Amino acid sequence: MEKVLTGAATIAYERRGRGFPLVLIHGFPLDHSIWDEVASLLENDFDLILPDLRGFGESDAPSAAWTMNDLVADLAALLDHLGIESAFLAGHSMGGYLALAFATAYPARVRGLALVSSQAAADAPERKTGRYAQALQIAEEGIGATVAAMTEKFSADERVRKFVHDLMRKQKPAGYIGSLKAMAGRADTMTALEDTSFPILLVHGDADALIPIERAREIQAAIPRARLIVLKGGGHMPMMESPREVGEAFENFL
């Protein structure tokens, strides 16, 4: 993977394909490899940028806390480094939170936005409390309990569950802790999204056990131009459970 120093962290990324720039942003607590199957379907039409977010994969995991705005700065610095003024963004779960925050900060740099198994609402107070408690538990006990609790919720597909379990086990505790705190502190982005004009695509499985499909329906209700693609029986990992359908959805940007 290539690497770039964005200021506070060195960010690793893969670039492949040709065409319009499309940034594929992974969710928590994973890395860019979740997009491999979809990327292989899109590389003839898109210039694909697949970063490992701060704290994950081959990117740095600083010990100091970070915020969603820091992740926005990382992404902006990466695009600047690549000479990309604007791009399509596709974010999975936490990656969707980052894509939304980036679109709020830099709407002119976004050609289109796809939210995959994600949401625009900020955490409710009890959810914030839970994230901070989870971060403390990881700091004291490691990632084992979190990995065990999350694995079954990602997908009903045994192949996908094994992949995400093994991938989560590889990640750094600092990445978990920093990202949990960043997610807990993120802002609601629904209102900001309403004021944008770029196309919005929502891809969501109707059996998602981590972020229910109702969150996607809330976005569609608030922003009628948003197109919702429902994957029947799909869980939290559409890019692995239904890569062809997700790839075809992204082709609608062209």
C-alpha atoms as a PDB file:
ATOM      1  CA  MET A   1       0.000   0.000   0.000  1.00  0.00           C
ATOM      2  CA  GLU A   2       0.987   3.619  -0.543  1.00  0.00           C
ATOM      3  CA  LYS A   3       1.263   5.948   2.448  1.00  0.00           C
ATOM      4  CA  VAL A   4       0.903   9.674   3.032  1.00  0.00           C
ATOM      5  CA  LEU A   5       1.557  11.792   6.120  1.00  0.00           C
ATOM      6  CA  THR A   6      -1.572  13.876   6.681  1.00  0.00           C
ATOM      7  CA  GLY A   7      -0.298  15.822   9.657  1.00  0.00           C
ATOM      8  CA  ALA A   8      -1.007  13.875  12.811  1.00  0.00           C
ATOM      9  CA  ALA A   9      -0.988  10.423  11.223  1.00  0.00           C
ATOM     10  CA  THR A  10       0.380   8.413   8.326  1.00  0.00           C
ATOM     11  CA  ILE A  11      -2.505   7.079   6.273  1.00  0.00           C
ATOM     12  CA  ALA A  12      -2.180   3.983   4.090  1.00  0.00           C
ATOM     13  CA  TYR A  13      -4.208   3.625   0.931  1.00  0.00           C
ATOM     14  CA  GLU A  14      -4.608   1.564  -2.195  1.00  0.00           C
ATOM     15  CA  ARG A  15      -5.371   3.100  -5.582  1.00  0.00           C
ATOM     16  CA  ARG A  16      -6.628   1.094  -8.505  1.00  0.00           C
ATOM     17  CA  GLY A  17      -8.702   1.452 -11.653  1.00  0.00           C
ATOM     18  CA  ARG A  18      -9.416   4.358 -13.964  1.00  0.00           C
ATOM     19  CA  GLY A  19     -12.211   6.822 -14.487  1.00  0.00           C
ATOM     20  CA  PHE A  20     -14.018   9.083 -12.051  1.00  0.00           C
ATOM     21  CA  PRO A  21     -12.542   9.163  -8.513  1.00  0.00           C
ATOM     22  CA  LEU A  22     -14.487   7.049  -6.019  1.00  0.00           C
ATOM     23  CA  VAL A  23     -13.336   6.774  -2.410  1.00  0.00           C
ATOM     24  CA  LEU A  24     -14.412   3.557  -0.684  1.00  0.00           C
ATOM     25  CA  ILE A  25     -14.375   4.117   3.088  1.00  0.00           C
ATOM     26  CA  HIS A  26     -14.475   1.134   5.428  1.00  0.00           C
ATOM     27  CA  GLY A  27     -16.414   0.799   8.665  1.00  0.00           C
ATOM     28  CA  PHE A  28     -15.519   0.025  12.276  1.00  0.00           C
ATOM     29  CA  PRO A  29     -13.382  -1.878  13.232  1.00  0.00           C
ATOM     30  CA  LEU A  30     -12.205  -3.079   9.820  1.00  0.00           C
ATOM     31  CA  ASP A  31      -9.962  -1.889   6.971  1.00  0.00           C
ATOM     32  CA  HIS A  32      -9.981  -1.282   3.223  1.00  0.00           C
ATOM     33  CA  SER A  33      -9.969  -5.001   2.359  1.00  0.00           C
ATOM     34  CA  ILE A  34     -13.742  -5.283   2.892  1.00  0.00           C
ATOM     35  CA  TRP A  35     -14.148  -3.574  -0.486  1.00  0.00           C
ATOM     36  CA  ASP A  36     -11.978  -5.956  -2.515  1.00  0.00           C
ATOM     37  CA  GLU A  37     -14.819  -7.797  -4.250  1.00  0.00           C
ATOM     38  CA  VAL A  38     -16.666  -4.612  -5.164  1.00  0.00           C
ATOM     39  CA  ALA A  39     -13.464  -2.880  -6.262  1.00  0.00           C
ATOM     40  CA  SER A  40     -12.703  -5.646  -8.752  1.00  0.00           C
ATOM     41  CA  LEU A  41     -16.085  -4.954 -10.389  1.00  0.00           C
ATOM     42  CA  LEU A  42     -15.615  -1.189 -10.591  1.00  0.00           C
ATOM     43  CA  GLU A  43     -11.998  -0.632 -11.570  1.00  0.00           C
ATOM     44  CA  ASN A  44     -12.789  -0.250 -15.289  1.00  0.00           C
ATOM     45  CA  ASP A  45     -15.097   2.705 -14.580  1.00  0.00           C
ATOM     46  CA  PHE A  46     -13.709   4.377 -11.466  1.00  0.00           C
ATOM     47  CA  ASP A  47     -10.394   5.626 -10.135  1.00  0.00           C
ATOM     48  CA  LEU A  48     -10.731   3.826  -6.797  1.00  0.00           C
ATOM     49  CA  ILE A  49      -9.116   5.127  -3.620  1.00  0.00           C
ATOM     50  CA  LEU A  50      -9.314   2.708  -0.686  1.00  0.00           C
ATOM     51  CA  PRO A  51      -7.846   4.170   2.524  1.00  0.00           C
ATOM     52  CA  ASP A  52      -7.221   2.501   5.848  1.00  0.00           C
ATOM     53  CA  LEU A  53      -8.691   5.016   8.267  1.00  0.00           C
ATOM     54  CA  ARG A  54      -6.604   6.358  11.113  1.00  0.00           C
ATOM     55  CA  GLY A  55      -6.159   3.551  13.651  1.00  0.00           C
ATOM     56  CA  PHE A  56      -6.809   0.650  11.275  1.00  0.00           C
ATOM     57  CA  GLY A  57      -4.989  -1.566   8.814  1.00  0.00           C
ATOM     58  CA  GLU A  58      -1.585  -0.187   7.885  1.00  0.00           C
ATOM     59  CA  SER A  59      -2.398   3.374   8.975  1.00  0.00           C
ATOM     60  CA  ASP A  60      -1.092   4.918  12.180  1.00  0.00           C
ATOM     61  CA  ALA A  61      -3.000   4.514  15.430  1.00  0.00           C
ATOM     62  CA  PRO A  62      -2.000   7.570  17.481  1.00  0.00           C
ATOM     63  CA  SER A  63      -2.319   7.250  21.233  1.00  0.00           C
ATOM     64  CA  ALA A  64      -3.946  10.691  21.468  1.00  0.00           C
ATOM     65  CA  ALA A  65      -7.711  10.860  20.977  1.00  0.00           C
ATOM     66  CA  TRP A  66      -9.097  12.009  17.645  1.00  0.00           C
ATOM     67  CA  THR A  67     -12.423  13.305  16.362  1.00  0.00           C
ATOM     68  CA  MET A  68     -14.474  12.836  13.221  1.00  0.00           C
ATOM     69  CA  ASN A  69     -13.112  16.203  12.075  1.00  0.00           C
ATOM     70  CA  ASP A  70      -9.590  14.784  12.312  1.00  0.00           C
ATOM     71  CA  LEU A  71     -10.646  11.939  10.015  1.00  0.00           C
ATOM     72  CA  VAL A  72     -12.120  14.523   7.635  1.00  0.00           C
ATOM     73  CA  ALA A  73      -8.765  16.297   7.618  1.00  0.00           C
ATOM     74  CA  ASP A  74      -7.012  12.987   6.885  1.00  0.00           C
ATOM     75  CA  LEU A  75      -9.272  12.358   3.906  1.00  0.00           C
ATOM     76  CA  ALA A  76      -8.911  15.905   2.573  1.00  0.00           C
ATOM     77  CA  ALA A  77      -5.128  15.639   2.843  1.00  0.00           C
ATOM     78  CA  LEU A  78      -5.168  12.303   1.016  1.00  0.00           C
ATOM     79  CA  LEU A  79      -7.221  13.731  -1.858  1.00  0.00           C
ATOM     80  CA  ASP A  80      -4.941  16.776  -2.008  1.00  0.00           C
ATOM     81  CA  HIS A  81      -1.920  14.474  -2.138  1.00  0.00           C
ATOM     82  CA  LEU A  82      -3.483  12.603  -5.066  1.00  0.00           C
ATOM     83  CA  GLY A  83      -4.431  15.815  -6.851  1.00  0.00           C
ATOM     84  CA  ILE A  84      -8.146  15.022  -6.663  1.00  0.00           C
ATOM     85  CA  GLU A  85     -10.364  18.087  -6.326  1.00  0.00           C
ATOM     86  CA  SER A  86     -13.661  16.223  -6.062  1.00  0.00           C
ATOM     87  CA  ALA A  87     -14.776  12.607  -5.842  1.00  0.00           C
ATOM     88  CA  PHE A  88     -17.647  10.263  -5.257  1.00  0.00           C
ATOM     89  CA  LEU A  89     -17.664   8.961  -1.682  1.00  0.00           C
ATOM     90  CA  ALA A  90     -19.006   5.610  -0.505  1.00  0.00           C
ATOM     91  CA  GLY A  91     -18.876   4.988   3.225  1.00  0.00           C
ATOM     92  CA  HIS A  92     -19.736   1.835   5.128  1.00  0.00           C
ATOM     93  CA  SER A  93     -21.114   2.225   8.669  1.00  0.00           C
ATOM     94  CA  MET A  94     -18.532   4.436  10.449  1.00  0.00           C
ATOM     95  CA  GLY A  95     -17.148   5.195   6.990  1.00  0.00           C
ATOM     96  CA  GLY A  96     -20.550   6.671   6.226  1.00  0.00           C
ATOM     97  CA  TYR A  97     -20.223   8.962   9.244  1.00  0.00           C
ATOM     98  CA  LEU A  98     -16.905  10.147   7.840  1.00  0.00           C
ATOM     99  CA  ALA A  99     -18.339  10.616   4.353  1.00  0.00           C
ATOM    100  CA  LEU A 100     -21.190  12.673   5.814  1.00  0.00           C
ATOM    101  CA  ALA A 101     -18.822  14.782   7.893  1.00  0.00           C
ATOM    102  CA  PHE A 102     -16.596  15.349   4.842  1.00  0.00           C
ATOM    103  CA  ALA A 103     -19.609  16.330   2.735  1.00  0.00           C
ATOM    104  CA  THR A 104     -20.658  18.782   5.453  1.00  0.00           C
ATOM    105  CA  ALA A 105     -17.201  20.372   5.545  1.00  0.00           C
ATOM    106  CA  TYR A 106     -16.452  20.211   1.800  1.00  0.00           C
ATOM    107  CA  PRO A 107     -19.708  19.911  -0.179  1.00  0.00           C
ATOM    108  CA  ALA A 108     -18.054  21.210  -3.355  1.00  0.00           C
ATOM    109  CA  ARG A 109     -15.577  18.310  -3.257  1.00  0.00           C
ATOM    110  CA  VAL A 110     -18.340  15.667  -3.293  1.00  0.00           C
ATOM    111  CA  ARG A 111     -19.717  14.496  -6.644  1.00  0.00           C
ATOM    112  CA  GLY A 112     -22.035  11.958  -5.082  1.00  0.00           C
ATOM    113  CA  LEU A 113     -22.491  10.206  -1.752  1.00  0.00           C
ATOM    114  CA  ALA A 114     -23.297   6.561  -1.041  1.00  0.00           C
ATOM    115  CA  LEU A 115     -24.105   5.449   2.495  1.00  0.00           C
ATOM    116  CA  VAL A 116     -23.794   1.703   2.954  1.00  0.00           C
ATOM    117  CA  SER A 117     -25.320   0.326   6.158  1.00  0.00           C
ATOM    118  CA  SER A 118     -24.963   3.733   7.780  1.00  0.00           C
ATOM    119  CA  GLN A 119     -26.982   6.607   9.218  1.00  0.00           C
ATOM    120  CA  ALA A 120     -26.987  10.412   9.530  1.00  0.00           C
ATOM    121  CA  ALA A 121     -28.211  10.735  13.115  1.00  0.00           C
ATOM    122  CA  ALA A 122     -25.823  11.377  15.987  1.00  0.00           C
ATOM    123  CA  ASP A 123     -25.635   8.935  18.884  1.00  0.00           C
ATOM    124  CA  ALA A 124     -28.367   9.085  21.492  1.00  0.00           C
ATOM    125  CA  PRO A 125     -27.029   9.824  25.008  1.00  0.00           C
ATOM    126  CA  GLU A 126     -27.174   6.191  26.086  1.00  0.00           C
ATOM    127  CA  ARG A 127     -25.330   5.114  22.959  1.00  0.00           C
ATOM    128  CA  LYS A 128     -22.594   7.664  23.603  1.00  0.00           C
ATOM    129  CA  THR A 129     -22.242   6.375  27.148  1.00  0.00           C
ATOM    130  CA  GLY A 130     -21.994   2.833  25.815  1.00  0.00           C
ATOM    131  CA  ARG A 131     -19.234   3.739  23.364  1.00  0.00           C
ATOM    132  CA  TYR A 132     -17.139   5.398  26.063  1.00  0.00           C
ATOM    133  CA  ALA A 133     -17.638   2.403  28.334  1.00  0.00           C
ATOM    134  CA  GLN A 134     -16.605   0.074  25.514  1.00  0.00           C
ATOM    135  CA  ALA A 135     -13.465   2.154  24.891  1.00  0.00           C
ATOM    136  CA  LEU A 136     -12.573   1.910  28.576  1.00  0.00           C
ATOM    137  CA  GLN A 137     -13.118  -1.844  28.567  1.00  0.00           C
ATOM    138  CA  ILE A 138     -10.806  -2.239  25.571  1.00  0.00           C
ATOM    139  CA  ALA A 139      -8.148  -0.106  27.238  1.00  0.00           C
ATOM    140  CA  GLU A 140      -8.292  -2.330  30.309  1.00  0.00           C
ATOM    141  CA  GLU A 141      -8.983  -5.775  28.828  1.00  0.00           C
ATOM    142  CA  GLY A 142      -8.155  -5.688  25.126  1.00  0.00           C
ATOM    143  CA  ILE A 143     -10.369  -6.199  22.074  1.00  0.00           C
ATOM    144  CA  GLY A 144     -11.458  -9.809  22.675  1.00  0.00           C
ATOM    145  CA  ALA A 145     -14.877  -9.120  24.174  1.00  0.00           C
ATOM    146  CA  THR A 146     -15.719  -6.531  21.524  1.00  0.00           C
ATOM    147  CA  VAL A 147     -14.750  -8.859  18.692  1.00  0.00           C
ATOM    148  CA  ALA A 148     -16.835 -11.672  20.167  1.00  0.00           C
ATOM    149  CA  ALA A 149     -19.871  -9.433  20.677  1.00  0.00           C
ATOM    150  CA  MET A 150     -19.767  -7.898  17.196  1.00  0.00           C
ATOM    151  CA  THR A 151     -18.961 -10.914  15.018  1.00  0.00           C
ATOM    152  CA  GLU A 152     -22.425 -12.489  14.981  1.00  0.00           C
ATOM    153  CA  LYS A 153     -24.075  -9.128  14.311  1.00  0.00           C
ATOM    154  CA  PHE A 154     -22.208  -8.412  11.095  1.00  0.00           C
ATOM    155  CA  SER A 155     -23.820 -11.058   8.926  1.00  0.00           C
ATOM    156  CA  ALA A 156     -25.752 -14.313   8.797  1.00  0.00           C
ATOM    157  CA  ASP A 157     -23.285 -15.484   6.154  1.00  0.00           C
ATOM    158  CA  GLU A 158     -20.695 -17.758   7.777  1.00  0.00           C
ATOM    159  CA  ARG A 159     -17.996 -16.818   5.243  1.00  0.00           C
ATOM    160  CA  VAL A 160     -18.477 -13.121   5.960  1.00  0.00           C
ATOM    161  CA  ARG A 161     -18.554 -13.643   9.725  1.00  0.00           C
ATOM    162  CA  LYS A 162     -15.240 -15.495   9.620  1.00  0.00           C
ATOM    163  CA  PHE A 163     -13.676 -12.796   7.459  1.00  0.00           C
ATOM    164  CA  VAL A 164     -14.727  -9.930   9.724  1.00  0.00           C
ATOM    165  CA  HIS A 165     -13.805 -11.869  12.870  1.00  0.00           C
ATOM    166  CA  ASP A 166     -10.287 -12.481  11.601  1.00  0.00           C
ATOM    167  CA  LEU A 167     -10.016  -8.908  10.329  1.00  0.00           C
ATOM    168  CA  MET A 168     -11.161  -7.400  13.633  1.00  0.00           C
ATOM    169  CA  ARG A 169      -8.612  -9.507  15.500  1.00  0.00           C
ATOM    170  CA  LYS A 170      -5.833  -7.886  13.445  1.00  0.00           C
ATOM    171  CA  GLN A 171      -6.723  -4.324  14.367  1.00  0.00           C
ATOM    172  CA  LYS A 172      -4.944  -2.240  17.001  1.00  0.00           C
ATOM    173  CA  PRO A 173      -6.680  -1.527  20.326  1.00  0.00           C
ATOM    174  CA  ALA A 174      -5.831   2.163  19.886  1.00  0.00           C
ATOM    175  CA  GLY A 175      -7.836   2.153  16.663  1.00  0.00           C
ATOM    176  CA  TYR A 176     -10.884   0.807  18.466  1.00  0.00           C
ATOM    177  CA  ILE A 177     -10.567   3.277  21.320  1.00  0.00           C
ATOM    178  CA  GLY A 178      -9.968   6.356  19.181  1.00  0.00           C
ATOM    179  CA  SER A 179     -12.763   5.507  16.765  1.00  0.00           C
ATOM    180  CA  LEU A 180     -15.307   4.740  19.487  1.00  0.00           C
ATOM    181  CA  LYS A 181     -14.685   8.170  20.994  1.00  0.00           C
ATOM    182  CA  ALA A 182     -14.807   9.858  17.577  1.00  0.00           C
ATOM    183  CA  MET A 183     -18.140   8.186  16.772  1.00  0.00           C
ATOM    184  CA  ALA A 184     -19.574   9.116  20.165  1.00  0.00           C
ATOM    185  CA  GLY A 185     -18.690  12.763  19.615  1.00  0.00           C
ATOM    186  CA  ARG A 186     -19.900  13.091  16.048  1.00  0.00           C
ATOM    187  CA  ALA A 187     -22.559  15.610  15.074  1.00  0.00           C
ATOM    188  CA  ASP A 188     -25.941  14.951  13.506  1.00  0.00           C
ATOM    189  CA  THR A 189     -25.526  15.509   9.769  1.00  0.00           C
ATOM    190  CA  MET A 190     -29.105  15.217   8.524  1.00  0.00           C
ATOM    191  CA  THR A 191     -29.753  18.971   8.323  1.00  0.00           C
ATOM    192  CA  ALA A 192     -26.467  19.626   6.550  1.00  0.00           C
ATOM    193  CA  LEU A 193     -27.271  16.867   4.076  1.00  0.00           C
ATOM    194  CA  GLU A 194     -30.616  18.460   3.255  1.00  0.00           C
ATOM    195  CA  ASP A 195     -28.821  21.564   1.996  1.00  0.00           C
ATOM    196  CA  THR A 196     -26.675  19.702  -0.541  1.00  0.00           C
ATOM    197  CA  SER A 197     -27.407  19.036  -4.205  1.00  0.00           C
ATOM    198  CA  PHE A 198     -25.187  16.050  -5.083  1.00  0.00           C
ATOM    199  CA  PRO A 199     -26.814  12.627  -5.674  1.00  0.00           C
ATOM    200  CA  ILE A 200     -27.302  10.449  -2.603  1.00  0.00           C
ATOM    201  CA  LEU A 201     -27.464   6.669  -2.661  1.00  0.00           C
ATOM    202  CA  LEU A 202     -28.500   4.522   0.296  1.00  0.00           C
ATOM    203  CA  VAL A 203     -27.604   0.811   0.278  1.00  0.00           C
ATOM    204  CA  HIS A 204     -28.916  -1.187   3.205  1.00  0.00           C
ATOM    205  CA  GLY A 205     -29.744  -4.767   4.069  1.00  0.00           C
ATOM    206  CA  ASP A 206     -33.167  -5.256   5.602  1.00  0.00           C
ATOM    207  CA  ALA A 207     -31.716  -7.711   8.147  1.00  0.00           C
ATOM    208  CA  ASP A 208     -28.911  -5.428   9.375  1.00  0.00           C
ATOM    209  CA  ALA A 209     -28.491  -6.189  13.088  1.00  0.00           C
ATOM    210  CA  LEU A 210     -26.113  -3.298  13.798  1.00  0.00           C
ATOM    211  CA  ILE A 211     -27.761  -0.331  12.061  1.00  0.00           C
ATOM    212  CA  PRO A 212     -31.417  -1.077  11.270  1.00  0.00           C
ATOM    213  CA  ILE A 213     -32.768  -0.200   7.862  1.00  0.00           C
ATOM    214  CA  GLU A 214     -35.097   2.317   9.517  1.00  0.00           C
ATOM    215  CA  ARG A 215     -32.115   4.686   9.724  1.00  0.00           C
ATOM    216  CA  ALA A 216     -31.818   4.645   5.924  1.00  0.00           C
ATOM    217  CA  ARG A 217     -35.555   5.157   5.542  1.00  0.00           C
ATOM    218  CA  GLU A 218     -35.296   8.221   7.808  1.00  0.00           C
ATOM    219  CA  ILE A 219     -32.737   9.750   5.453  1.00  0.00           C
ATOM    220  CA  GLN A 220     -34.879   9.000   2.411  1.00  0.00           C
ATOM    221  CA  ALA A 221     -37.919  10.561   4.094  1.00  0.00           C
ATOM    222  CA  ALA A 222     -35.982  13.727   4.909  1.00  0.00           C
ATOM    223  CA  ILE A 223     -34.225  13.913   1.535  1.00  0.00           C
ATOM    224  CA  PRO A 224     -36.575  12.660  -1.197  1.00  0.00           C
ATOM    225  CA  ARG A 225     -33.874  12.705  -3.897  1.00  0.00           C
ATOM    226  CA  ALA A 226     -31.964  10.025  -1.967  1.00  0.00           C
ATOM    227  CA  ARG A 227     -32.298   6.655  -3.667  1.00  0.00           C
ATOM    228  CA  LEU A 228     -32.675   3.658  -1.366  1.00  0.00           C
ATOM    229  CA  ILE A 229     -31.615   0.203  -2.513  1.00  0.00           C
ATOM    230  CA  VAL A 230     -32.836  -2.491  -0.121  1.00  0.00           C
ATOM    231  CA  LEU A 231     -30.978  -5.790  -0.118  1.00  0.00           C
ATOM    232  CA  LYS A 232     -33.408  -8.506   0.924  1.00  0.00           C
ATOM    233  CA  GLY A 233     -32.027 -10.587   3.765  1.00  0.00           C
ATOM    234  CA  GLY A 234     -28.824  -8.559   3.759  1.00  0.00           C
ATOM    235  CA  GLY A 235     -26.881  -7.877   6.936  1.00  0.00           C
ATOM    236  CA  HIS A 236     -24.322  -5.226   7.828  1.00  0.00           C
ATOM    237  CA  MET A 237     -21.797  -6.184   5.117  1.00  0.00           C
ATOM    238  CA  PRO A 238     -23.501  -5.660   1.725  1.00  0.00           C
ATOM    239  CA  MET A 239     -20.195  -5.188  -0.096  1.00  0.00           C
ATOM    240  CA  MET A 240     -19.293  -8.782   0.818  1.00  0.00           C
ATOM    241  CA  GLU A 241     -22.749 -10.364   0.967  1.00  0.00           C
ATOM    242  CA  SER A 242     -23.947  -8.866  -2.344  1.00  0.00           C
ATOM    243  CA  PRO A 243     -20.927  -7.352  -4.114  1.00  0.00           C
ATOM    244  CA  ARG A 244     -22.485  -7.360  -7.570  1.00  0.00           C
ATOM    245  CA  GLU A 245     -25.598  -5.518  -6.394  1.00  0.00           C
ATOM    246  CA  VAL A 246     -23.493  -2.956  -4.554  1.00  0.00           C
ATOM    247  CA  GLY A 247     -21.232  -2.471  -7.571  1.00  0.00           C
ATOM    248  CA  GLU A 248     -24.224  -1.974  -9.829  1.00  0.00           C
ATOM    249  CA  ALA A 249     -25.623   0.560  -7.361  1.00  0.00           C
ATOM    250  CA  PHE A 250     -22.417   2.591  -7.488  1.00  0.00           C
ATOM    251  CA  GLU A 251     -22.476   2.497 -11.302  1.00  0.00           C
ATOM    252  CA  ASN A 252     -25.590   4.699 -11.050  1.00  0.00           C
ATOM    253  CA  PHE A 253     -23.278   7.598 -10.219  1.00  0.00           C
ATOM    254  CA  LEU A 254     -22.041   7.618 -13.832  1.00  0.00           C
END
